[in-house]
Amino acid sequence: MLLKLSVERRKKEKLVNDIAGDSFTFFEQLQNKVFGSPKYDIIIAEPDIFKGKSPGRIFANFEIRKKGLVAYFRFNHDEYAIATNFHQLTIVKAQNLVIQFNTHRISFKITNTNNHLKFLRNLITQKAEFCKTSTNIEMT
């Protein structure tokens, strides 16, 4: 879900927490080795969130949350967030990093390979741990 954080920030942050869960505390970050992501360049966003305007160079950062992932970026002096839970998250690694959120698909250019691999390992590990312990889906 794409959220413009510049307007009604508290309400939007609560919605991000509902979708992707709370942030890890400092000690949980150290214990799980979950830290921020390197900067990624946004190449393509589908559907077009820039409304046909040439965005220039836009950087995005990711935050791994307890139940999902949040991508933060700035466009036209406004801060945006795209939040999703782990069940709706798909990651494709080719020449570029492609992440399918619940309603958006965004392609990112990898600028720092070593930090990217560390971040991707942490993301996949956290997603696997969440899906393993998740009781959201019951077998009938």
Protein backbone atom coordinates (compact mmCIF):
# COMPACT_ATOMS: atom_id res chain seq x y z
CA MET A 1 0.00 0.00 0.00
CA LEU A 2 1.42 3.37 -1.07
CA LEU A 3 1.14 6.02 1.63
CA LYS A 4 2.05 9.71 1.49
CA LEU A 5 3.59 10.33 4.90
CA SER A 6 3.76 14.11 4.57
CA VAL A 7 0.03 14.39 5.30
CA GLU A 8 -1.51 12.99 8.53
CA ARG A 9 1.73 11.25 9.46
CA ARG A 10 0.55 9.68 12.74
CA LYS A 11 -2.45 8.06 11.12
CA LYS A 12 -0.30 6.75 8.25
CA GLU A 13 2.39 5.43 10.64
CA LYS A 14 -0.32 3.53 12.53
CA LEU A 15 -1.49 2.04 9.24
CA VAL A 16 2.10 1.03 8.39
CA ASN A 17 2.37 -0.63 11.82
CA ASP A 18 -0.89 -2.52 11.20
CA ILE A 19 0.32 -3.78 7.81
CA ALA A 20 4.03 -4.50 8.40
CA GLY A 21 4.15 -4.80 12.17
CA ASP A 22 6.16 -2.82 14.68
CA SER A 23 9.80 -1.92 14.21
CA PHE A 24 12.40 -4.05 15.91
CA THR A 25 13.83 -2.62 19.13
CA PHE A 26 17.54 -1.89 19.28
CA PHE A 27 18.29 -5.12 21.12
CA GLU A 28 16.13 -7.16 18.74
CA GLN A 29 18.03 -5.62 15.82
CA LEU A 30 21.33 -6.71 17.38
CA GLN A 31 20.03 -10.17 18.23
CA ASN A 32 18.51 -10.84 14.79
CA LYS A 33 21.17 -8.86 12.89
CA VAL A 34 18.44 -6.84 11.20
CA PHE A 35 19.68 -3.43 10.16
CA GLY A 36 18.68 -0.92 7.49
CA SER A 37 19.19 -1.48 3.80
CA PRO A 38 21.64 0.21 1.48
CA LYS A 39 20.28 2.88 -0.86
CA TYR A 40 18.64 1.59 -4.02
CA ASP A 41 17.79 3.58 -7.16
CA ILE A 42 14.18 3.21 -8.29
CA ILE A 43 14.18 2.30 -11.98
CA ILE A 44 10.58 1.32 -12.73
CA ALA A 45 7.43 1.44 -10.63
CA GLU A 46 4.23 -0.28 -11.72
CA PRO A 47 1.59 1.06 -11.56
CA ASP A 48 3.21 4.41 -12.26
CA ILE A 49 3.38 6.19 -8.90
CA PHE A 50 5.11 9.20 -10.45
CA LYS A 51 2.10 9.94 -12.72
CA GLY A 52 4.10 10.24 -15.93
CA LYS A 53 6.48 12.87 -14.56
CA SER A 54 10.16 12.25 -15.01
CA PRO A 55 11.25 11.51 -11.44
CA GLY A 56 14.96 11.92 -12.06
CA ARG A 57 16.99 9.93 -9.59
CA ILE A 58 15.02 8.63 -6.62
CA PHE A 59 16.56 6.58 -3.84
CA ALA A 60 14.69 4.12 -1.65
CA ASN A 61 15.55 2.52 1.68
CA PHE A 62 13.92 -0.52 3.23
CA GLU A 63 13.04 -1.31 6.81
CA ILE A 64 12.43 -4.90 7.83
CA ARG A 65 9.59 -4.98 10.33
CA LYS A 66 8.25 -7.81 12.49
CA LYS A 67 5.48 -8.76 10.04
CA GLY A 68 6.67 -7.26 6.76
CA LEU A 69 8.71 -4.77 4.79
CA VAL A 70 8.45 -1.01 4.33
CA ALA A 71 10.12 0.94 1.52
CA TYR A 72 10.68 4.67 2.07
CA PHE A 73 11.43 7.23 -0.67
CA ARG A 74 11.04 10.93 -1.42
CA PHE A 75 9.44 12.45 -4.52
CA ASN A 76 8.60 16.12 -5.12
CA HIS A 77 9.50 17.07 -1.52
CA ASP A 78 7.06 14.52 -0.10
CA GLU A 79 7.94 11.35 1.78
CA TYR A 80 6.25 8.12 0.73
CA ALA A 81 6.13 4.61 2.15
CA ILE A 82 5.09 1.34 0.57
CA ALA A 83 4.23 -1.26 3.18
CA THR A 84 3.41 -4.93 2.85
CA ASN A 85 3.37 -8.00 5.04
CA PHE A 86 5.58 -11.01 4.37
CA HIS A 87 2.76 -13.10 2.91
CA GLN A 88 2.26 -10.60 0.08
CA LEU A 89 5.97 -9.99 -0.59
CA THR A 90 7.79 -11.45 -3.59
CA ILE A 91 11.48 -10.88 -4.30
CA VAL A 92 13.08 -11.45 -7.71
CA LYS A 93 16.84 -11.04 -8.17
CA ALA A 94 18.09 -10.64 -11.71
CA GLN A 95 20.38 -7.90 -12.96
CA ASN A 96 18.22 -5.59 -10.84
CA LEU A 97 16.23 -6.23 -7.69
CA VAL A 98 12.48 -6.49 -8.31
CA ILE A 99 10.16 -6.45 -5.32
CA GLN A 100 6.47 -7.20 -5.68
CA PHE A 101 4.52 -5.54 -2.89
CA ASN A 102 0.83 -6.33 -2.51
CA THR A 103 -0.24 -3.73 -5.12
CA HIS A 104 3.02 -2.42 -6.63
CA ARG A 105 6.00 -3.87 -8.44
CA ILE A 106 9.18 -1.82 -8.24
CA SER A 107 12.52 -2.45 -9.90
CA PHE A 108 15.62 -1.22 -8.08
CA LYS A 109 19.19 -0.77 -9.27
CA ILE A 110 21.72 -2.44 -6.99
CA THR A 111 24.51 0.03 -6.19
CA ASN A 112 26.39 -1.74 -3.37
CA THR A 113 26.60 -5.49 -3.96
CA ASN A 114 28.10 -6.54 -0.59
CA ASN A 115 25.58 -4.63 1.53
CA HIS A 116 22.79 -5.72 -0.80
CA LEU A 117 23.58 -9.40 -0.25
CA LYS A 118 23.64 -8.95 3.55
CA PHE A 119 20.32 -7.15 3.46
CA LEU A 120 18.73 -9.72 1.16
CA ARG A 121 19.88 -12.60 3.39
CA ASN A 122 18.39 -10.87 6.44
CA LEU A 123 15.14 -10.18 4.60
CA ILE A 124 14.74 -13.76 3.41
CA THR A 125 15.61 -15.10 6.86
CA GLN A 126 13.06 -12.87 8.57
CA LYS A 127 10.40 -13.77 6.01
CA ALA A 128 11.08 -17.49 6.50
CA GLU A 129 10.95 -17.15 10.30
CA PHE A 130 7.69 -15.23 10.13
CA CYS A 131 6.06 -17.68 7.73
CA LYS A 132 7.25 -20.65 9.78
CA THR A 133 5.77 -19.34 13.01
CA SER A 134 2.75 -17.64 11.47
CA THR A 135 -0.64 -19.03 12.38
CA ASN A 136 -2.57 -16.76 10.03
CA ILE A 137 -3.40 -19.65 7.66
CA GLU A 138 -5.28 -22.57 9.14
CA MET A 139 -5.57 -25.92 7.42
CA THR A 140 -9.13 -27.23 7.08
